[in-house]
């Protein structure tokens, strides 16, 4: 099982989109500051997650969410 997720920074106007096979562990790594790309923006909260059977399906959704229309979709969830 693979997960596509979006995290919203609670202190800045920043949304991070990622893909993982262990959502809880991955979000914890982001919030613990163990990911260089997101460390300055923590803490985070999950604003979106979706599960997929294959990595290929998950990657397609991740690419969409990183696009302009995908980011617009995520901003409208708030």
C-alpha atoms as a PDB file:
ATOM      1  CA  UNK A   1       0.000   0.000   0.000  1.00  0.00           C
ATOM      2  CA  UNK A   2       1.287   3.466  -0.919  1.00  0.00           C
ATOM      3  CA  UNK A   3       0.105   6.829   0.349  1.00  0.00           C
ATOM      4  CA  UNK A   4       0.138  10.249  -1.250  1.00  0.00           C
ATOM      5  CA  UNK A   5      -0.110  12.981   1.345  1.00  0.00           C
ATOM      6  CA  UNK A   6      -0.081  16.747   1.722  1.00  0.00           C
ATOM      7  CA  UNK A   7       1.221  18.552   4.774  1.00  0.00           C
ATOM      8  CA  UNK A   8       0.421  22.164   5.648  1.00  0.00           C
ATOM      9  CA  UNK A   9       2.892  24.168   7.691  1.00  0.00           C
ATOM     10  CA  UNK A  10       1.246  25.636  10.769  1.00  0.00           C
ATOM     11  CA  UNK A  11       3.583  28.657  10.831  1.00  0.00           C
ATOM     12  CA  UNK A  12       4.105  29.488   7.149  1.00  0.00           C
ATOM     13  CA  UNK A  13       2.192  29.447   3.885  1.00  0.00           C
ATOM     14  CA  UNK A  14       3.727  26.171   2.696  1.00  0.00           C
ATOM     15  CA  UNK A  15       2.256  22.882   1.484  1.00  0.00           C
ATOM     16  CA  UNK A  16       4.408  19.794   1.005  1.00  0.00           C
ATOM     17  CA  UNK A  17       3.261  16.844  -1.128  1.00  0.00           C
ATOM     18  CA  UNK A  18       4.898  13.429  -0.808  1.00  0.00           C
ATOM     19  CA  UNK A  19       4.578   9.695  -1.327  1.00  0.00           C
ATOM     20  CA  UNK A  20       5.343   6.916   1.166  1.00  0.00           C
ATOM     21  CA  UNK A  21       4.477   3.393   2.211  1.00  0.00           C
ATOM     22  CA  UNK A  22       4.358   4.303   5.941  1.00  0.00           C
ATOM     23  CA  UNK A  23       2.393   7.516   6.447  1.00  0.00           C
ATOM     24  CA  UNK A  24       2.701   7.777  10.227  1.00  0.00           C
ATOM     25  CA  UNK A  25       6.460   7.285  10.212  1.00  0.00           C
ATOM     26  CA  UNK A  26       6.939   9.746   7.345  1.00  0.00           C
ATOM     27  CA  UNK A  27       4.881  12.536   8.950  1.00  0.00           C
ATOM     28  CA  UNK A  28       6.801  12.027  12.190  1.00  0.00           C
ATOM     29  CA  UNK A  29      10.099  12.426  10.321  1.00  0.00           C
ATOM     30  CA  UNK A  30       8.859  15.723   8.850  1.00  0.00           C
ATOM     31  CA  UNK A  31       7.711  17.047  12.230  1.00  0.00           C
ATOM     32  CA  UNK A  32      10.903  15.894  13.965  1.00  0.00           C
ATOM     33  CA  UNK A  33      12.985  17.943  11.516  1.00  0.00           C
ATOM     34  CA  UNK A  34      14.657  14.913   9.970  1.00  0.00           C
ATOM     35  CA  UNK A  35      13.848  15.992   6.390  1.00  0.00           C
ATOM     36  CA  UNK A  36      16.041  18.791   5.077  1.00  0.00           C
ATOM     37  CA  UNK A  37      13.465  20.175   2.626  1.00  0.00           C
ATOM     38  CA  UNK A  38      10.717  20.638   5.229  1.00  0.00           C
ATOM     39  CA  UNK A  39      12.691  21.335   8.415  1.00  0.00           C
ATOM     40  CA  UNK A  40      12.277  25.166   8.331  1.00  0.00           C
ATOM     41  CA  UNK A  41       8.494  24.889   7.906  1.00  0.00           C
ATOM     42  CA  UNK A  42       7.549  22.589  10.772  1.00  0.00           C
ATOM     43  CA  UNK A  43       5.276  21.802  12.560  1.00  0.00           C
ATOM     44  CA  UNK A  44       2.935  20.268  10.002  1.00  0.00           C
ATOM     45  CA  UNK A  45      -0.566  18.891   9.934  1.00  0.00           C
ATOM     46  CA  UNK A  46      -1.946  16.474   7.357  1.00  0.00           C
ATOM     47  CA  UNK A  47      -4.486  18.141   5.082  1.00  0.00           C
ATOM     48  CA  UNK A  48      -4.814  15.305   2.541  1.00  0.00           C
ATOM     49  CA  UNK A  49      -3.975  11.620   2.199  1.00  0.00           C
ATOM     50  CA  UNK A  50      -5.024   8.900  -0.199  1.00  0.00           C
ATOM     51  CA  UNK A  51      -3.970   5.251  -0.464  1.00  0.00           C
ATOM     52  CA  UNK A  52      -3.122   3.331  -3.628  1.00  0.00           C
ATOM     53  CA  UNK A  53      -2.393  -0.294  -4.433  1.00  0.00           C
ATOM     54  CA  UNK A  54       0.637   0.462  -6.613  1.00  0.00           C
ATOM     55  CA  UNK A  55       3.457   2.973  -6.532  1.00  0.00           C
ATOM     56  CA  UNK A  56       2.711   3.914 -10.158  1.00  0.00           C
ATOM     57  CA  UNK A  57      -0.850   5.002  -9.288  1.00  0.00           C
ATOM     58  CA  UNK A  58       0.395   6.908  -6.251  1.00  0.00           C
ATOM     59  CA  UNK A  59       3.102   8.662  -8.273  1.00  0.00           C
ATOM     60  CA  UNK A  60       0.513   9.871 -10.824  1.00  0.00           C
ATOM     61  CA  UNK A  61      -1.543  11.427  -8.026  1.00  0.00           C
ATOM     62  CA  UNK A  62       1.569  12.956  -6.446  1.00  0.00           C
ATOM     63  CA  UNK A  63       2.526  14.582  -9.759  1.00  0.00           C
ATOM     64  CA  UNK A  64      -0.996  16.016 -10.091  1.00  0.00           C
ATOM     65  CA  UNK A  65      -0.967  17.425  -6.551  1.00  0.00           C
ATOM     66  CA  UNK A  66       2.375  19.118  -7.222  1.00  0.00           C
ATOM     67  CA  UNK A  67       0.947  20.837 -10.316  1.00  0.00           C
ATOM     68  CA  UNK A  68      -0.767  24.217 -10.302  1.00  0.00           C
ATOM     69  CA  UNK A  69      -4.245  22.687 -10.344  1.00  0.00           C
ATOM     70  CA  UNK A  70      -3.259  20.210  -7.660  1.00  0.00           C
ATOM     71  CA  UNK A  71      -1.919  22.927  -5.345  1.00  0.00           C
ATOM     72  CA  UNK A  72      -5.111  24.927  -5.958  1.00  0.00           C
ATOM     73  CA  UNK A  73      -7.150  21.842  -4.973  1.00  0.00           C
ATOM     74  CA  UNK A  74      -5.127  21.493  -1.749  1.00  0.00           C
ATOM     75  CA  UNK A  75      -5.468  25.171  -0.838  1.00  0.00           C
ATOM     76  CA  UNK A  76      -9.253  24.890  -1.201  1.00  0.00           C
ATOM     77  CA  UNK A  77      -9.306  22.069   1.392  1.00  0.00           C
ATOM     78  CA  UNK A  78      -8.376  24.445   4.197  1.00  0.00           C
END
